Amino acid sequence: MSIYQHYREEERPFIDQILSWMEQAERTYQPRVTDFLDPREQLIFRQLLGGQTELQWAFSGGADAAERKRGIIAPLYDAVADSDFDIVMLEATYPVKFVSLEHRDVMGAFMSLGIDRRKLGDISVQDGVMQLFTTADIAVYIRANLTEVKRAKVNWELADASRFRPEQAEWMQMEASVSSLRLDAVMKELYRMSRQQASLSIQKGLVKVNFKTVEDSSYPLAEGDLISLRGKGRGKLTEVKGTTKKDKQRITLEKLK
């Protein structure tokens, strides 16, 4: 039985990378650290490493409540420390009276510099303060090159991770039964819209799954997937519980209030 049959085709490169690092950690006795992973990737990571008797694994996002985290694969006898994840926190202030910044403004500034999303952890933008987690090498590049966000001059400084203030997020949980795990079917329940409206939003490029734009209404979702619809907020497919007597999928969804 192939391990790939449990995952999507586009997830195969990530699976191959983790399997390769597992083999290298066992062969060379050296730990390997991933980029920042989204919740779906963390789930796959846990599933691949689960039950290992020669390896250990752990996550860190820089803060306890971090959503995006780096994973580490290490020989069983190694002592894994926080410093092994090489995560630092950057902080910058901006004049809130003169400029209004949102999470997407900061993210757009990073993307304009060509910084891969995988190199960035959680980001917080509130009350005139921007905070983010990244790796030490990327932090050097950010401090030297990202000096302006939406016309606001910024000066990034290294800060203690204990000062991180996550953006306040309150998730509302809901149970649902869907005909399939197609993106449009799940969106129908998550956003309380018709399936036709969901499909139209997808075709217009307004929908992202795990931070990537998806334009296929039949795209198959899986546990841990993050979903966002422009103007309607974020949600996630928390759990797939099985099928009902009418062959529908029982799922648990969460949506930001």
Protein backbone atom coordinates (compact mmCIF):
# COMPACT_ATOMS: atom_id res chain seq x y z
CA MET A 1 0.00 0.00 0.00
CA SER A 2 1.49 3.33 -1.08
CA ILE A 3 1.76 6.08 1.50
CA TYR A 4 0.80 8.60 -1.17
CA GLN A 5 -2.75 7.32 -1.56
CA HIS A 6 -3.71 9.07 1.67
CA TYR A 7 -2.64 12.49 0.41
CA ARG A 8 -3.17 14.89 -2.49
CA GLU A 9 -0.95 14.80 -5.57
CA GLU A 10 0.48 18.27 -4.86
CA GLU A 11 1.50 17.14 -1.36
CA ARG A 12 3.88 14.48 -2.70
CA PRO A 13 6.97 16.76 -2.89
CA PHE A 14 6.48 17.75 0.76
CA ILE A 15 6.06 14.10 1.75
CA ASP A 16 9.18 13.12 -0.22
CA GLN A 17 11.15 15.89 1.52
CA ILE A 18 10.13 14.71 4.99
CA LEU A 19 10.82 11.06 4.16
CA SER A 20 14.26 12.05 2.82
CA TRP A 21 15.06 14.01 5.97
CA MET A 22 13.95 11.08 8.12
CA GLU A 23 16.35 8.83 6.24
CA GLN A 24 19.17 11.38 6.53
CA ALA A 25 18.61 11.90 10.26
CA GLU A 26 18.82 8.14 10.82
CA ARG A 27 21.87 7.71 8.58
CA THR A 28 23.92 10.76 9.56
CA TYR A 29 22.68 11.25 13.14
CA GLN A 30 22.10 14.93 12.35
CA PRO A 31 18.83 16.80 13.04
CA ARG A 32 16.88 18.42 10.21
CA VAL A 33 14.61 21.45 10.56
CA THR A 34 11.75 22.32 8.23
CA ASP A 35 10.53 25.72 7.06
CA PHE A 36 7.47 27.16 8.81
CA LEU A 37 4.58 24.76 8.24
CA ASP A 38 0.87 25.52 8.04
CA PRO A 39 -1.57 23.35 10.07
CA ARG A 40 -2.15 20.90 7.20
CA GLU A 41 1.59 20.37 6.73
CA GLN A 42 2.01 19.92 10.48
CA LEU A 43 -0.64 17.20 10.39
CA ILE A 44 1.17 15.37 7.58
CA PHE A 45 4.48 15.77 9.45
CA ARG A 46 2.97 14.19 12.58
CA GLN A 47 1.46 11.34 10.60
CA LEU A 48 4.74 10.53 8.87
CA LEU A 49 6.78 10.69 12.08
CA GLY A 50 4.23 8.95 14.27
CA GLY A 51 5.35 5.60 15.61
CA GLN A 52 9.03 6.16 14.83
CA THR A 53 11.27 4.26 17.23
CA GLU A 54 14.64 5.66 16.09
CA LEU A 55 13.68 9.30 15.64
CA GLN A 56 12.08 12.08 17.65
CA TRP A 57 10.27 15.16 16.44
CA ALA A 58 8.98 18.44 17.79
CA PHE A 59 7.44 21.74 16.71
CA SER A 60 8.14 25.36 17.56
CA GLY A 61 6.68 28.56 16.20
CA GLY A 62 8.48 30.91 18.57
CA ALA A 63 5.42 31.26 20.83
CA ASP A 64 3.14 28.71 22.47
CA ALA A 65 0.05 29.84 20.57
CA ALA A 66 1.76 30.11 17.18
CA GLU A 67 -0.19 28.74 14.23
CA ARG A 68 2.74 28.35 11.85
CA LYS A 69 5.57 26.21 13.21
CA ARG A 70 8.89 24.69 12.23
CA GLY A 71 9.35 20.98 12.69
CA ILE A 72 12.52 19.19 13.72
CA ILE A 73 13.53 15.58 13.07
CA ALA A 74 16.35 14.32 15.27
CA PRO A 75 17.97 11.08 16.46
CA LEU A 76 16.27 9.68 19.51
CA TYR A 77 19.16 10.36 21.85
CA ASP A 78 19.58 14.06 20.90
CA ALA A 79 18.49 16.73 23.34
CA VAL A 80 16.30 19.08 21.29
CA ALA A 81 16.44 22.71 22.49
CA ASP A 82 14.49 25.81 21.45
CA SER A 83 17.67 27.23 19.93
CA ASP A 84 17.76 24.34 17.43
CA PHE A 85 14.78 25.87 15.61
CA ASP A 86 16.74 29.08 14.90
CA ILE A 87 13.62 31.26 15.29
CA VAL A 88 13.83 34.95 16.12
CA MET A 89 11.20 37.63 16.56
CA LEU A 90 11.31 40.99 14.82
CA GLU A 91 9.33 44.01 15.98
CA ALA A 92 8.68 47.44 14.46
CA THR A 93 6.38 50.32 15.30
CA TYR A 94 4.43 52.59 12.96
CA PRO A 95 2.49 55.84 13.51
CA VAL A 96 -1.04 54.50 13.95
CA LYS A 97 -2.46 58.05 13.87
CA PHE A 98 -1.24 58.60 10.32
CA VAL A 99 -1.37 55.18 8.68
CA SER A 100 -3.62 52.16 9.02
CA LEU A 101 -1.92 48.81 8.51
CA GLU A 102 -3.46 45.37 8.29
CA HIS A 103 -2.01 41.88 8.23
CA ARG A 104 -2.31 41.74 4.43
CA ASP A 105 -0.35 45.00 4.04
CA VAL A 106 2.61 43.56 5.92
CA MET A 107 2.40 40.26 4.07
CA GLY A 108 2.29 42.09 0.75
CA ALA A 109 5.44 44.00 1.68
CA PHE A 110 7.28 40.75 2.35
CA MET A 111 6.09 39.19 -0.89
CA SER A 112 7.29 42.26 -2.83
CA LEU A 113 10.78 41.53 -1.52
CA GLY A 114 10.56 37.98 -2.83
CA ILE A 115 10.49 36.43 0.64
CA ASP A 116 8.92 32.98 0.55
CA ARG A 117 5.91 32.60 2.88
CA ARG A 118 7.49 29.41 4.19
CA LYS A 119 10.30 31.49 5.71
CA LEU A 120 7.87 33.45 7.88
CA GLY A 121 5.99 32.34 10.96
CA ASP A 122 3.11 34.10 12.67
CA ILE A 123 2.61 37.81 12.10
CA SER A 124 0.82 40.24 14.41
CA VAL A 125 -0.24 43.77 13.42
CA GLN A 126 -2.07 45.79 16.06
CA ASP A 127 -1.95 49.03 18.05
CA GLY A 128 0.92 50.48 16.05
CA VAL A 129 3.18 47.45 16.50
CA MET A 130 4.18 44.81 13.97
CA GLN A 131 5.70 41.54 15.15
CA LEU A 132 6.76 38.45 13.25
CA PHE A 133 8.69 35.24 13.63
CA THR A 134 11.30 34.19 11.10
CA THR A 135 14.73 32.59 10.94
CA ALA A 136 17.92 34.37 11.95
CA ASP A 137 19.27 34.61 8.38
CA ILE A 138 16.02 35.96 6.93
CA ALA A 139 15.81 38.47 9.81
CA VAL A 140 19.09 40.03 8.65
CA TYR A 141 17.70 40.46 5.13
CA ILE A 142 14.39 41.92 6.40
CA ARG A 143 16.10 44.46 8.63
CA ALA A 144 18.28 45.64 5.76
CA ASN A 145 15.64 45.76 3.03
CA LEU A 146 12.13 46.16 4.41
CA THR A 147 12.17 49.77 5.52
CA GLU A 148 8.70 50.82 4.44
CA VAL A 149 5.22 49.28 4.65
CA LYS A 150 2.38 51.10 2.91
CA ARG A 151 4.27 54.43 3.03
CA ALA A 152 5.06 53.95 6.73
CA LYS A 153 8.78 54.02 7.54
CA VAL A 154 9.70 51.06 9.72
CA ASN A 155 12.80 50.01 11.62
CA TRP A 156 12.86 46.34 12.57
CA GLU A 157 14.55 45.29 15.80
CA LEU A 158 15.16 41.91 17.36
CA ALA A 159 12.79 41.44 20.31
CA ASP A 160 12.15 38.88 23.03
CA ALA A 161 9.59 36.31 21.93
CA SER A 162 7.83 36.64 25.29
CA ARG A 163 6.63 40.05 24.07
CA PHE A 164 4.68 38.53 21.19
CA ARG A 165 1.04 39.56 21.19
CA PRO A 166 -0.97 37.29 18.90
CA GLU A 167 -3.83 38.87 17.04
CA GLN A 168 -7.01 38.14 18.94
CA ALA A 169 -8.89 35.36 17.19
CA GLU A 170 -12.08 33.76 18.37
CA TRP A 171 -13.06 30.60 16.52
CA MET A 172 -16.64 29.41 16.24
CA GLN A 173 -17.01 25.65 15.86
CA MET A 174 -19.74 24.00 13.83
CA GLU A 175 -20.71 20.49 12.82
CA ALA A 176 -21.91 19.73 9.30
CA SER A 177 -22.66 16.96 6.84
CA VAL A 178 -21.52 17.41 3.26
CA SER A 179 -22.03 15.39 0.11
CA SER A 180 -18.27 15.37 -0.44
CA LEU A 181 -15.10 17.13 0.68
CA ARG A 182 -15.07 19.27 -2.46
CA LEU A 183 -14.09 22.86 -1.79
CA ASP A 184 -17.42 24.29 -2.95
CA ALA A 185 -19.41 21.83 -0.81
CA VAL A 186 -17.47 22.68 2.34
CA MET A 187 -17.59 26.42 1.64
CA LYS A 188 -21.37 26.18 1.37
CA GLU A 189 -21.52 25.14 5.02
CA LEU A 190 -18.64 27.28 6.27
CA TYR A 191 -19.87 30.56 4.82
CA ARG A 192 -23.61 29.82 4.73
CA MET A 193 -23.87 30.42 0.99
CA SER A 194 -25.22 28.49 -1.96
CA ARG A 195 -22.94 26.07 -3.73
CA GLN A 196 -23.28 28.17 -6.87
CA GLN A 197 -22.06 31.27 -4.99
CA ALA A 198 -19.15 29.25 -3.60
CA SER A 199 -18.16 28.04 -7.08
CA LEU A 200 -18.33 31.56 -8.50
CA SER A 201 -16.06 32.88 -5.73
CA ILE A 202 -13.59 30.09 -6.41
CA GLN A 203 -13.56 30.75 -10.16
CA LYS A 204 -12.93 34.46 -9.53
CA GLY A 205 -9.76 33.64 -7.59
CA LEU A 206 -11.17 34.85 -4.26
CA VAL A 207 -10.49 31.63 -2.36
CA LYS A 208 -7.28 30.33 -0.84
CA VAL A 209 -6.53 26.95 0.69
CA ASN A 210 -3.47 26.88 2.91
CA PHE A 211 -2.50 30.35 1.66
CA LYS A 212 -2.58 29.31 -2.02
CA THR A 213 -5.24 30.49 -4.47
CA VAL A 214 -7.42 27.62 -5.69
CA GLU A 215 -9.68 28.06 -8.72
CA ASP A 216 -11.05 24.52 -8.94
CA SER A 217 -14.46 24.03 -7.28
CA SER A 218 -13.87 20.28 -7.06
CA TYR A 219 -10.59 20.68 -5.19
CA PRO A 220 -10.56 17.98 -2.46
CA LEU A 221 -10.12 19.23 1.10
CA ALA A 222 -8.56 17.31 3.98
CA GLU A 223 -8.19 17.64 7.74
CA GLY A 224 -6.13 20.64 8.79
CA ASP A 225 -6.82 22.70 5.66
CA LEU A 226 -7.15 26.46 6.13
CA ILE A 227 -9.71 28.17 3.91
CA SER A 228 -10.09 31.88 3.28
CA LEU A 229 -12.65 33.76 1.20
CA ARG A 230 -11.83 37.38 0.44
CA GLY A 231 -14.17 39.62 2.39
CA LYS A 232 -15.68 36.72 4.35
CA GLY A 233 -12.82 35.68 6.63
CA ARG A 234 -11.00 32.47 7.44
CA GLY A 235 -12.08 28.99 8.37
CA LYS A 236 -10.63 25.52 8.67
CA LEU A 237 -11.62 21.91 8.26
CA THR A 238 -10.79 20.63 11.71
CA GLU A 239 -11.91 17.02 11.54
CA VAL A 240 -13.42 14.46 9.18
CA LYS A 241 -15.48 12.13 11.36
CA GLY A 242 -16.67 9.57 8.84
CA THR A 243 -19.83 8.94 6.85
CA THR A 244 -23.52 9.07 7.75
CA LYS A 245 -26.11 6.42 6.85
CA LYS A 246 -26.87 8.50 3.76
CA ASP A 247 -23.19 8.41 2.71
CA LYS A 248 -22.51 12.03 3.60
CA GLN A 249 -19.25 13.14 5.23
CA ARG A 250 -19.54 14.29 8.84
CA ILE A 251 -17.11 17.12 9.48
CA THR A 252 -16.15 19.70 12.08
CA LEU A 253 -15.49 23.22 10.85
CA GLU A 254 -14.15 26.31 12.58
CA LYS A 255 -14.62 29.90 11.46
CA LEU A 256 -13.20 33.13 12.76
CA LYS A 257 -15.95 35.26 14.30
